[in-house]
Amino acid sequence: MTNYTKLPAILLLADGTVYYGKAAGKIGTTTGEICFNTGMTGYQEIFTDPSYFGQIMVTTNAHIGNYGIHKDEIESGSIKIAGLVCKNYNIGFSRKEASESIQDYFQNENIVGISDIDTRSLVRHIRNKGAMNGIISSEITDLEELKAKLAEVPSMDGLELSSQVSTKEAYFYGSPDATYKIAALDLGIKKNILRNFDDRDIYVQVFPAKTTFEEMDKWGADGYFISNGPGDPSAMPYAIDTVKEVLAADKPLFGICLGHQLLAEANGIGTMKMFNGHRGLNHPVKNIIKDHCEVTSQNHGFGVIPDEVRKSDKVEITHINLNDQSIEGIRVKGKKAFSVQYHPESSPGPHDSRYLFDDFITMIKGELAW
C-alpha cells in the first residue's frame, strides 16, 4: 500500500463557503459541480459511473474505502468523478477480494479529494442552497487564488458532456448467437446495463454518442437503447434528432436517465436543471400503470418539466417519484417507446426495477409491455 500522509486540503464553494480538511488521493486541485449521494454502499460504482463526469462527489456514508477496490466492480474504464469529498477516508481495507486500496486507486487515476470534514454540514448546506460549483485543493492555500480558478468553471446548465465519455468506436457485447439484437447509443453507458442485456439473450452493438440513426440502422437491430450520461440534455440536439428518427421509424426504444430526458425532448417536452437532483439507492417510485412501488437507484441533476409532461398529448406518465412527485417514467402514445429517469440496472442494488429490461424484450416481440 502506498505511504500516505494526510496533508491539509481546502474545499471552496461558489457561494464562498469554505471547509478545511485533509488531502485524499492525488495532491492537486480539481473543480466541478458539487453533489451528494445518499447510498450506503457502492462507492466504486459511483466513482466510475460516467453520469458523474464533471462532478465533485460528496458521500454521505461516513466511511469510504473500507472494503477496498475490486476490479470487477467498475461501471466504465476509469474513474469519472471530478473529485471526492468524504468524512472518513479509509486506506486500510478488510475485503480479501480487493486488489488495492482507495488511495492507490485514486493516485493511479489522478483523482483529487478531501476528507475529515463535516459532510453532514456540507450536505445540509448544498440541500438548502442548491447545486453549485466547487474547488478542492491540497496544493493551493490562498483563498483568493482558489476563488479566481473557481470563477472560470462553467455551470453544468448548458454543458454537453456525453461526447466526452462516450466510446470512440462502436463495439459489441454479448453473444452473436443471441436471440435479439439491440443498438445502444452510448452517452455514458454503464457496464451493468450491458450485463443485463446479455443476461436476457441480447447481443448489443454500442455506438458512439454522435452516431446517426441511419448508421445504426444498417446493423438491423431489433430495438434501440438510449443510455444514461452526463450533462444537459437540451444541449444535445444530435441525440434528440437521433431519438426522433428512431420514433419516426417506429422502432422499439428504451431510454434510461439521460435517455429518458432525450425521449421527452424529442416529443417537445422541455427539461430543467434540478435544485439538487436525485442521487442514491433508496428513492421510492410508483409504477402507476402496474400500481406497485419500487425502491430505485438514481443519479441525475436534470429532469423533465412535470407540467409539460402532463399537458403533452404525445406521452403518458408511467412512473412518479414518491418523494417529490417528479416524473420518473413516460411512454410514447402510439409508439413502442418508453423511458425511466432512474437506473434499473442498479449496480449496486436495489434490483426492484430490472423488470423493465424484460418489458423491453416484450415490446420487441410485438407484445404490450404493460
Protein backbone atom coordinates (compact mmCIF):
# COMPACT_ATOMS: atom_id res chain seq x y z
CA MET A 1 0.00 0.00 0.00
CA THR A 2 1.24 3.48 -0.88
CA ASN A 3 2.67 5.51 2.00
CA TYR A 4 0.27 8.31 2.79
CA THR A 5 0.48 11.40 4.95
CA LYS A 6 -2.66 13.45 5.49
CA LEU A 7 -1.76 16.91 4.25
CA PRO A 8 -4.10 19.90 4.64
CA ALA A 9 -6.74 20.46 1.95
CA ILE A 10 -9.42 23.07 1.23
CA LEU A 11 -12.91 22.85 -0.27
CA LEU A 12 -14.29 26.16 -1.52
CA LEU A 13 -17.85 26.51 -2.81
CA ALA A 14 -19.09 29.05 -5.35
CA ASP A 15 -21.04 30.91 -2.66
CA GLY A 16 -17.82 31.50 -0.69
CA THR A 17 -18.30 28.76 1.91
CA VAL A 18 -15.00 27.16 2.93
CA TYR A 19 -14.28 23.75 4.50
CA TYR A 20 -10.87 22.72 5.79
CA GLY A 21 -9.86 19.06 5.82
CA LYS A 22 -7.18 16.60 4.81
CA ALA A 23 -5.93 15.58 1.37
CA ALA A 24 -7.27 12.36 -0.13
CA GLY A 25 -5.93 10.81 -3.31
CA LYS A 26 -3.55 12.75 -5.51
CA ILE A 27 -2.10 16.03 -4.27
CA GLY A 28 -3.50 18.66 -6.60
CA THR A 29 -6.52 20.80 -7.48
CA THR A 30 -9.84 19.87 -9.06
CA THR A 31 -13.11 21.61 -9.89
CA GLY A 32 -16.68 20.66 -10.75
CA GLU A 33 -20.29 20.84 -9.71
CA ILE A 34 -20.64 19.56 -6.17
CA CYS A 35 -23.35 16.99 -5.44
CA PHE A 36 -24.06 14.29 -2.87
CA ASN A 37 -25.03 10.62 -2.98
CA THR A 38 -27.00 9.03 -0.13
CA GLY A 39 -26.04 5.42 -0.89
CA MET A 40 -24.62 3.38 1.97
CA THR A 41 -22.50 1.20 -0.30
CA GLY A 42 -21.19 1.04 -3.86
CA TYR A 43 -18.61 3.82 -3.79
CA GLN A 44 -16.56 2.20 -6.55
CA GLU A 45 -19.58 2.02 -8.84
CA ILE A 46 -20.29 5.68 -8.10
CA PHE A 47 -16.71 6.70 -8.89
CA THR A 48 -16.84 5.01 -12.31
CA ASP A 49 -20.37 5.97 -13.37
CA PRO A 50 -19.98 8.22 -16.46
CA SER A 51 -23.10 10.17 -15.44
CA TYR A 52 -20.96 11.80 -12.72
CA PHE A 53 -18.46 13.22 -15.19
CA GLY A 54 -17.59 16.80 -14.22
CA GLN A 55 -18.97 16.49 -10.70
CA ILE A 56 -17.35 16.52 -7.27
CA MET A 57 -18.99 13.77 -5.23
CA VAL A 58 -19.87 14.11 -1.57
CA THR A 59 -20.54 10.72 0.02
CA THR A 60 -22.95 10.76 2.95
CA ASN A 61 -21.81 7.37 4.25
CA ALA A 62 -19.24 8.03 6.96
CA HIS A 63 -16.64 5.50 5.75
CA ILE A 64 -15.25 5.39 2.21
CA GLY A 65 -12.57 2.94 1.13
CA ASN A 66 -13.14 0.45 3.94
CA TYR A 67 -13.74 -2.52 1.63
CA GLY A 68 -11.08 -1.56 -0.90
CA ILE A 69 -11.19 -1.69 -4.69
CA HIS A 70 -12.29 -4.73 -6.71
CA LYS A 71 -11.55 -4.81 -10.44
CA ASP A 72 -14.95 -6.38 -11.25
CA GLU A 73 -16.94 -3.55 -9.67
CA ILE A 74 -16.33 -0.79 -12.17
CA GLU A 75 -19.01 0.70 -14.42
CA SER A 76 -16.64 2.18 -17.02
CA GLY A 77 -12.97 2.12 -17.97
CA SER A 78 -11.89 4.80 -15.50
CA ILE A 79 -12.96 6.98 -12.58
CA LYS A 80 -15.38 9.61 -13.86
CA ILE A 81 -16.00 11.83 -10.83
CA ALA A 82 -14.02 15.09 -10.80
CA GLY A 83 -13.18 14.73 -7.11
CA LEU A 84 -14.25 13.20 -3.80
CA VAL A 85 -15.42 14.71 -0.51
CA CYS A 86 -15.85 12.34 2.42
CA LYS A 87 -15.76 12.12 6.19
CA ASN A 88 -13.51 9.12 6.86
CA TYR A 89 -11.08 8.13 4.10
CA ASN A 90 -10.10 4.54 4.90
CA ILE A 91 -6.90 3.41 3.24
CA GLY A 92 -6.78 0.11 5.10
CA PHE A 93 -9.39 -2.33 3.78
CA SER A 94 -10.93 -5.54 5.05
CA ARG A 95 -12.11 -7.45 1.97
CA LYS A 96 -9.82 -10.26 0.84
CA GLU A 97 -11.02 -10.00 -2.78
CA ALA A 98 -9.95 -6.36 -3.06
CA SER A 99 -6.90 -5.75 -5.23
CA GLU A 100 -5.84 -2.33 -3.94
CA SER A 101 -6.63 0.49 -1.56
CA ILE A 102 -8.67 3.55 -2.45
CA GLN A 103 -5.50 5.66 -2.11
CA ASP A 104 -3.61 3.57 -4.66
CA TYR A 105 -6.66 3.67 -6.93
CA PHE A 106 -7.01 7.45 -6.74
CA GLN A 107 -3.28 8.10 -7.19
CA ASN A 108 -3.15 5.82 -10.23
CA GLU A 109 -6.12 7.65 -11.79
CA ASN A 110 -5.06 11.18 -10.74
CA ILE A 111 -8.12 11.87 -8.58
CA VAL A 112 -8.01 14.68 -6.01
CA GLY A 113 -10.15 14.54 -2.88
CA ILE A 114 -10.66 15.92 0.61
CA SER A 115 -11.57 14.06 3.81
CA ASP A 116 -12.03 14.77 7.52
CA ILE A 117 -14.70 17.42 7.05
CA ASP A 118 -18.23 17.61 8.44
CA THR A 119 -20.09 16.10 5.49
CA ARG A 120 -23.43 16.38 7.31
CA SER A 121 -22.98 20.13 7.49
CA LEU A 122 -21.89 20.25 3.85
CA VAL A 123 -24.83 18.21 2.59
CA ARG A 124 -27.29 20.34 4.56
CA HIS A 125 -25.71 23.42 3.02
CA ILE A 126 -25.99 22.07 -0.55
CA ARG A 127 -29.50 20.80 0.11
CA ASN A 128 -30.60 24.27 1.21
CA LYS A 129 -28.60 26.37 -1.27
CA GLY A 130 -28.85 24.10 -4.31
CA ALA A 131 -26.31 22.75 -6.78
CA MET A 132 -23.19 24.87 -7.24
CA ASN A 133 -19.59 24.56 -8.38
CA GLY A 134 -16.72 23.86 -6.04
CA ILE A 135 -12.95 23.53 -5.97
CA ILE A 136 -10.77 21.16 -3.93
CA SER A 137 -7.08 21.81 -3.47
CA SER A 138 -4.29 20.21 -1.47
CA GLU A 139 -1.62 22.37 -3.16
CA ILE A 140 -3.09 25.89 -3.09
CA THR A 141 -3.86 27.53 0.26
CA ASP A 142 -4.62 31.06 -0.94
CA LEU A 143 -8.40 31.52 -0.99
CA GLU A 144 -8.28 34.39 -3.48
CA GLU A 145 -6.36 32.22 -5.94
CA LEU A 146 -8.89 29.42 -5.46
CA LYS A 147 -11.79 31.84 -5.99
CA ALA A 148 -10.25 33.02 -9.25
CA LYS A 149 -9.87 29.44 -10.51
CA LEU A 150 -13.41 28.54 -9.42
CA ALA A 151 -14.85 31.55 -11.25
CA GLU A 152 -13.59 30.06 -14.52
CA VAL A 153 -15.57 26.81 -14.11
CA PRO A 154 -18.68 26.74 -16.35
CA SER A 155 -22.12 25.91 -14.99
CA MET A 156 -23.43 22.41 -15.67
CA ASP A 157 -26.52 24.09 -17.12
CA GLY A 158 -25.96 24.14 -20.88
CA LEU A 159 -22.95 21.77 -20.93
CA GLU A 160 -22.75 18.95 -23.47
CA LEU A 161 -20.59 16.25 -21.87
CA SER A 162 -21.74 12.90 -23.24
CA SER A 163 -19.49 13.00 -26.29
CA GLN A 164 -16.52 13.26 -23.91
CA VAL A 165 -17.29 10.00 -22.09
CA SER A 166 -18.79 8.01 -24.96
CA THR A 167 -16.91 5.24 -26.74
CA LYS A 168 -14.89 6.47 -29.71
CA GLU A 169 -15.51 3.33 -31.76
CA ALA A 170 -18.52 1.02 -31.96
CA TYR A 171 -18.13 -2.33 -30.20
CA PHE A 172 -20.14 -5.48 -29.45
CA TYR A 173 -21.20 -7.01 -26.14
CA GLY A 174 -22.67 -10.47 -25.58
CA SER A 175 -23.12 -13.49 -27.80
CA PRO A 176 -23.53 -13.13 -31.59
CA ASP A 177 -25.89 -16.12 -31.37
CA ALA A 178 -28.31 -14.33 -29.04
CA THR A 179 -31.98 -14.20 -29.93
CA TYR A 180 -32.23 -10.40 -30.10
CA LYS A 181 -30.03 -7.54 -31.33
CA ILE A 182 -30.01 -4.12 -29.65
CA ALA A 183 -28.32 -0.95 -30.88
CA ALA A 184 -27.23 1.12 -27.87
CA LEU A 185 -26.39 4.81 -28.15
CA ASP A 186 -23.56 5.33 -25.66
CA LEU A 187 -23.99 8.67 -23.91
CA GLY A 188 -22.15 7.37 -20.83
CA ILE A 189 -23.38 3.79 -20.61
CA LYS A 190 -22.74 1.67 -17.51
CA LYS A 191 -21.35 -1.83 -17.86
CA ASN A 192 -24.13 -3.32 -15.78
CA ILE A 193 -26.68 -2.21 -18.37
CA LEU A 194 -24.83 -4.33 -20.92
CA ARG A 195 -24.69 -7.24 -18.46
CA ASN A 196 -28.45 -7.05 -18.02
CA PHE A 197 -28.98 -7.22 -21.78
CA ASP A 198 -26.56 -10.15 -22.08
CA ASP A 199 -28.38 -11.98 -19.29
CA ARG A 200 -31.57 -11.71 -21.36
CA ASP A 201 -30.16 -13.27 -24.53
CA ILE A 202 -29.48 -9.94 -26.24
CA TYR A 203 -26.49 -9.11 -28.42
CA VAL A 204 -25.61 -5.41 -28.20
CA GLN A 205 -23.73 -3.13 -30.53
CA VAL A 206 -22.70 0.02 -28.68
CA PHE A 207 -22.35 3.14 -30.81
CA PRO A 208 -20.60 6.48 -30.14
CA ALA A 209 -22.80 9.32 -28.91
CA LYS A 210 -23.00 11.20 -32.21
CA THR A 211 -23.84 8.20 -34.37
CA THR A 212 -26.86 8.84 -36.59
CA PHE A 213 -29.90 6.61 -36.72
CA GLU A 214 -29.08 5.86 -40.37
CA GLU A 215 -25.69 4.46 -39.37
CA MET A 216 -27.11 2.37 -36.51
CA ASP A 217 -29.98 1.08 -38.61
CA LYS A 218 -27.59 -0.61 -41.05
CA TRP A 219 -26.98 -3.27 -38.40
CA GLY A 220 -30.62 -4.34 -38.46
CA ALA A 221 -31.22 -4.15 -34.72
CA ASP A 222 -34.49 -5.34 -33.18
CA GLY A 223 -34.58 -2.37 -30.84
CA TYR A 224 -32.75 0.76 -29.72
CA PHE A 225 -31.44 1.76 -26.32
CA ILE A 226 -30.60 5.34 -25.28
CA SER A 227 -28.23 5.31 -22.31
CA ASN A 228 -27.58 7.36 -19.22
CA GLY A 229 -24.89 10.02 -19.28
CA PRO A 230 -23.70 13.42 -18.00
CA GLY A 231 -24.59 16.97 -18.95
CA ASP A 232 -27.59 18.99 -20.08
CA PRO A 233 -29.96 17.12 -22.42
CA SER A 234 -31.11 20.37 -24.05
CA ALA A 235 -27.52 20.90 -25.24
CA MET A 236 -27.59 17.64 -27.23
CA PRO A 237 -29.51 18.33 -30.48
CA TYR A 238 -27.63 15.49 -32.20
CA ALA A 239 -29.05 12.92 -29.76
CA ILE A 240 -32.54 14.46 -29.78
CA ASP A 241 -32.58 14.16 -33.58
CA THR A 242 -31.49 10.53 -33.37
CA VAL A 243 -34.32 9.71 -30.94
CA LYS A 244 -36.81 11.47 -33.23
CA GLU A 245 -35.63 9.34 -36.15
CA VAL A 246 -35.95 6.11 -34.14
CA LEU A 247 -39.52 7.12 -33.26
CA ALA A 248 -40.31 8.05 -36.87
CA ALA A 249 -39.11 4.61 -37.99
CA ASP A 250 -41.40 3.07 -35.35
CA LYS A 251 -38.61 1.02 -33.80
CA PRO A 252 -38.79 -0.28 -30.19
CA LEU A 253 -36.94 2.17 -27.93
CA PHE A 254 -35.93 2.13 -24.27
CA GLY A 255 -34.25 5.06 -22.51
CA ILE A 256 -32.62 5.33 -19.08
CA CYS A 257 -31.86 8.55 -17.17
CA LEU A 258 -30.42 10.92 -19.81
CA GLY A 259 -32.17 8.71 -22.36
CA HIS A 260 -35.44 9.47 -20.57
CA GLN A 261 -34.82 13.20 -20.81
CA LEU A 262 -33.94 12.93 -24.50
CA LEU A 263 -37.13 10.99 -25.23
CA ALA A 264 -39.06 13.83 -23.60
CA GLU A 265 -37.15 16.46 -25.61
CA ALA A 266 -37.83 14.51 -28.82
CA ASN A 267 -41.55 14.84 -28.06
CA GLY A 268 -41.46 18.58 -27.45
CA ILE A 269 -41.19 18.35 -23.66
CA GLY A 270 -38.57 20.54 -22.03
CA THR A 271 -36.01 19.59 -19.40
CA MET A 272 -34.70 21.58 -16.45
CA LYS A 273 -31.76 21.81 -14.08
CA MET A 274 -32.95 20.49 -10.73
CA PHE A 275 -32.28 22.28 -7.45
CA ASN A 276 -30.26 19.32 -6.18
CA GLY A 277 -31.10 16.29 -8.26
CA HIS A 278 -31.57 12.69 -7.13
CA ARG A 279 -28.53 10.57 -6.24
CA GLY A 280 -28.74 7.46 -4.09
CA LEU A 281 -30.06 3.92 -3.74
CA ASN A 282 -33.31 4.44 -1.85
CA HIS A 283 -35.63 6.62 -3.95
CA PRO A 284 -39.24 5.42 -3.86
CA VAL A 285 -41.02 5.33 -7.22
CA LYS A 286 -44.55 4.26 -8.07
CA ASN A 287 -45.35 2.50 -11.33
CA ILE A 288 -48.83 3.92 -11.86
CA ILE A 289 -49.53 1.54 -14.76
CA LYS A 290 -48.90 -1.62 -12.72
CA ASP A 291 -49.92 0.05 -9.43
CA HIS A 292 -46.85 -1.02 -7.49
CA CYS A 293 -43.92 0.70 -5.81
CA GLU A 294 -40.21 0.10 -6.16
CA VAL A 295 -37.08 1.33 -4.43
CA THR A 296 -34.75 2.72 -7.08
CA SER A 297 -31.17 3.73 -7.76
CA GLN A 298 -30.89 7.27 -9.11
CA ASN A 299 -28.27 9.67 -10.41
CA HIS A 300 -29.38 12.79 -12.23
CA GLY A 301 -29.21 16.56 -11.89
CA PHE A 302 -31.65 17.31 -14.71
CA GLY A 303 -35.26 16.26 -15.10
CA VAL A 304 -38.24 16.61 -17.40
CA ILE A 305 -40.58 19.54 -16.72
CA PRO A 306 -43.61 17.96 -14.97
CA ASP A 307 -46.23 20.44 -16.22
CA GLU A 308 -45.12 19.97 -19.81
CA VAL A 309 -45.37 16.18 -19.48
CA ARG A 310 -48.87 16.42 -18.04
CA LYS A 311 -50.01 18.75 -20.84
CA SER A 312 -48.45 16.69 -23.64
CA ASP A 313 -50.72 14.75 -25.98
CA LYS A 314 -47.76 12.67 -27.19
CA VAL A 315 -46.75 10.86 -24.00
CA GLU A 316 -48.30 9.44 -20.87
CA ILE A 317 -46.80 9.18 -17.40
CA THR A 318 -45.85 5.69 -16.20
CA HIS A 319 -43.79 6.36 -13.05
CA ILE A 320 -43.87 9.02 -10.31
CA ASN A 321 -41.30 9.81 -7.61
CA LEU A 322 -43.00 9.48 -4.25
CA ASN A 323 -40.67 11.96 -2.54
CA ASP A 324 -41.26 14.99 -4.74
CA GLN A 325 -43.80 13.86 -7.38
CA SER A 326 -41.30 14.36 -10.22
CA ILE A 327 -41.81 12.38 -13.42
CA GLU A 328 -39.83 9.13 -13.33
CA GLY A 329 -41.17 7.38 -16.42
CA ILE A 330 -43.06 8.00 -19.66
CA ARG A 331 -44.19 6.07 -22.71
CA VAL A 332 -44.98 7.49 -26.13
CA LYS A 333 -48.57 7.11 -27.28
CA GLY A 334 -48.89 5.01 -30.42
CA LYS A 335 -45.20 4.06 -30.37
CA LYS A 336 -43.11 1.23 -28.96
CA ALA A 337 -41.07 3.60 -26.84
CA PHE A 338 -40.68 4.16 -23.10
CA SER A 339 -38.15 5.50 -20.63
CA VAL A 340 -37.41 5.88 -16.93
CA GLN A 341 -35.45 8.54 -15.07
CA TYR A 342 -33.77 6.09 -12.70
CA HIS A 343 -31.32 3.18 -13.13
CA PRO A 344 -32.98 -0.26 -13.33
CA GLU A 345 -29.60 -1.94 -13.84
CA SER A 346 -28.82 -0.71 -10.31
CA SER A 347 -25.23 -1.62 -9.65
CA PRO A 348 -25.22 -1.84 -6.71
CA GLY A 349 -28.87 -2.59 -5.87
CA PRO A 350 -31.74 -2.42 -5.23
CA HIS A 351 -32.99 -4.70 -8.02
CA ASP A 352 -36.70 -3.82 -7.85
CA SER A 353 -36.74 -2.29 -11.35
CA ARG A 354 -34.95 -4.86 -13.50
CA TYR A 355 -38.34 -5.96 -14.86
CA LEU A 356 -38.01 -3.01 -17.26
CA PHE A 357 -35.43 -4.92 -19.29
CA ASP A 358 -37.96 -7.73 -19.61
CA ASP A 359 -40.63 -5.20 -20.62
CA PHE A 360 -38.32 -4.04 -23.41
CA ILE A 361 -37.99 -7.58 -24.71
CA THR A 362 -41.78 -7.96 -24.56
CA MET A 363 -42.07 -4.79 -26.63
CA ILE A 364 -39.54 -6.07 -29.18
CA LYS A 365 -41.62 -9.23 -29.55
CA GLY A 366 -44.53 -7.03 -30.59
CA GLU A 367 -46.44 -7.53 -27.38
CA LEU A 368 -47.53 -4.84 -24.94
CA ALA A 369 -45.06 -4.19 -22.12
CA TRP A 370 -47.80 -3.25 -19.68
